[in-house]
Amino acid sequence: MRPDSNSSTEPIDTWSAETRNGRWLVVDRNGCEVADCGDRRDDADLIVHYSQTHEQMLRALRAALPYLESSYENLRSFGMDFDDARQTLERAAAALKYVTSQPSLASVAGGRAAAGD
């Protein structure tokens, strides 16, 4: 029931907002520019917040899904096929599939990271 996903041990990039030459930039953990927000600090902070929230959601769903699958299978093996347990598992799997199908964070940042700028 688990959708195809990357390993939960996959390194996740962390972005931050900083100024360089008087301009607000979003940079990755290597200091590479992801987005140039000019004088708009709020835009840079919003991109960073979105990326952190997105990555936290992915981590939580990837960590929870194996536990939910195991719990559901254990209940079923004892003849306790509860609808709410099945629905919880299906919803978690659907949420993970939805989150991983969303456009990459690079596209949110104007595609600069994808373009290698």
Protein backbone atom coordinates (compact mmCIF):
# COMPACT_ATOMS: atom_id res chain seq x y z
CA MET A 1 0.00 0.00 0.00
CA ARG A 2 3.03 2.27 0.35
CA PRO A 3 3.54 4.61 -2.59
CA ASP A 4 6.96 4.70 -4.17
CA SER A 5 9.05 7.13 -2.19
CA ASN A 6 12.63 7.92 -1.43
CA SER A 7 14.31 6.42 1.58
CA SER A 8 13.68 8.15 4.89
CA THR A 9 17.46 8.27 5.36
CA GLU A 10 17.89 10.39 2.24
CA PRO A 11 19.60 13.69 3.13
CA ILE A 12 17.22 16.61 3.06
CA ASP A 13 18.48 19.99 1.96
CA THR A 14 18.03 22.88 4.34
CA TRP A 15 17.55 26.35 2.99
CA SER A 16 18.06 29.66 4.76
CA ALA A 17 17.62 33.35 4.02
CA GLU A 18 20.62 35.67 4.05
CA THR A 19 21.75 38.96 2.58
CA ARG A 20 24.55 39.37 0.07
CA ASN A 21 25.40 42.73 -1.42
CA GLY A 22 22.22 44.19 0.07
CA ARG A 23 19.94 41.58 -1.54
CA TRP A 24 17.89 38.90 0.22
CA LEU A 25 18.74 35.43 -1.05
CA VAL A 26 17.57 31.93 -0.27
CA VAL A 27 20.59 29.64 -0.14
CA ASP A 28 21.00 25.90 0.30
CA ARG A 29 23.20 24.25 2.91
CA ASN A 30 26.21 24.62 0.60
CA GLY A 31 25.69 28.36 0.25
CA CYS A 32 24.44 28.07 -3.33
CA GLU A 33 21.79 30.58 -4.34
CA VAL A 34 18.31 29.11 -4.74
CA ALA A 35 16.32 32.34 -5.09
CA ASP A 36 17.11 36.05 -5.31
CA CYS A 37 14.38 38.03 -3.55
CA GLY A 38 15.95 41.46 -3.96
CA ASP A 39 14.85 43.75 -1.11
CA ARG A 40 11.96 41.44 -0.12
CA ARG A 41 13.02 39.69 3.07
CA ASP A 42 9.46 38.44 3.63
CA ASP A 43 9.60 36.57 0.32
CA ALA A 44 12.88 34.89 1.27
CA ASP A 45 11.53 33.97 4.71
CA LEU A 46 8.35 32.57 3.17
CA ILE A 47 10.30 30.34 0.76
CA VAL A 48 12.46 29.06 3.63
CA HIS A 49 9.40 28.43 5.82
CA TYR A 50 7.63 26.55 3.02
CA SER A 51 10.66 24.37 2.34
CA GLN A 52 11.08 23.51 6.03
CA THR A 53 7.37 22.71 6.47
CA HIS A 54 7.36 20.57 3.33
CA GLU A 55 10.44 18.60 4.44
CA GLN A 56 9.07 18.12 7.98
CA MET A 57 5.84 16.74 6.54
CA LEU A 58 7.73 14.33 4.31
CA ARG A 59 9.86 13.11 7.21
CA ALA A 60 6.83 12.58 9.45
CA LEU A 61 4.84 10.72 6.80
CA ARG A 62 7.79 8.54 5.81
CA ALA A 63 8.45 7.68 9.45
CA ALA A 64 4.81 6.98 10.32
CA LEU A 65 3.75 4.94 7.30
CA PRO A 66 5.71 1.73 8.10
CA TYR A 67 4.37 1.82 11.67
CA LEU A 68 0.79 2.30 10.45
CA GLU A 69 1.18 -0.53 7.92
CA SER A 70 2.59 -2.87 10.56
CA SER A 71 -0.12 -2.01 13.09
CA TYR A 72 -2.85 -2.53 10.51
CA GLU A 73 -1.42 -5.88 9.40
CA ASN A 74 -1.11 -7.02 13.03
CA LEU A 75 -4.74 -6.13 13.71
CA ARG A 76 -5.85 -7.93 10.55
CA SER A 77 -3.88 -11.05 11.48
CA PHE A 78 -5.92 -11.24 14.69
CA GLY A 79 -9.17 -10.84 12.78
CA MET A 80 -9.63 -7.21 13.79
CA ASP A 81 -9.98 -5.47 10.44
CA PHE A 82 -11.18 -2.11 11.75
CA ASP A 83 -12.40 0.42 9.21
CA ASP A 84 -10.78 3.35 11.02
CA ALA A 85 -7.37 1.61 11.05
CA ARG A 86 -7.62 0.91 7.32
CA GLN A 87 -8.77 4.47 6.60
CA THR A 88 -5.91 5.93 8.65
CA LEU A 89 -3.40 3.87 6.67
CA GLU A 90 -5.00 4.77 3.34
CA ARG A 91 -5.09 8.47 4.22
CA ALA A 92 -1.44 8.50 5.32
CA ALA A 93 -0.40 6.74 2.10
CA ALA A 94 -2.50 9.16 0.03
CA ALA A 95 -1.03 12.17 1.86
CA LEU A 96 2.52 10.95 1.24
CA LYS A 97 1.75 10.32 -2.42
CA TYR A 98 0.22 13.80 -2.73
CA VAL A 99 3.10 15.58 -0.99
CA THR A 100 5.74 13.76 -3.06
CA SER A 101 3.85 14.53 -6.29
CA GLN A 102 3.92 18.30 -5.72
CA PRO A 103 6.27 20.45 -7.79
CA SER A 104 9.79 20.57 -6.47
CA LEU A 105 10.80 23.40 -4.20
CA ALA A 106 13.06 24.61 -6.98
CA SER A 107 9.99 25.55 -9.00
CA VAL A 108 8.65 27.51 -6.02
CA ALA A 109 11.92 29.45 -6.04
CA GLY A 110 11.56 30.34 -9.69
CA GLY A 111 13.42 27.33 -11.02
CA ARG A 112 16.88 28.71 -10.28
CA ALA A 113 18.08 25.57 -8.48
CA ALA A 114 16.75 23.36 -11.25
CA ALA A 115 18.44 25.52 -13.85
CA GLY A 116 21.74 25.35 -11.98
CA ASP A 117 22.01 29.13 -11.57
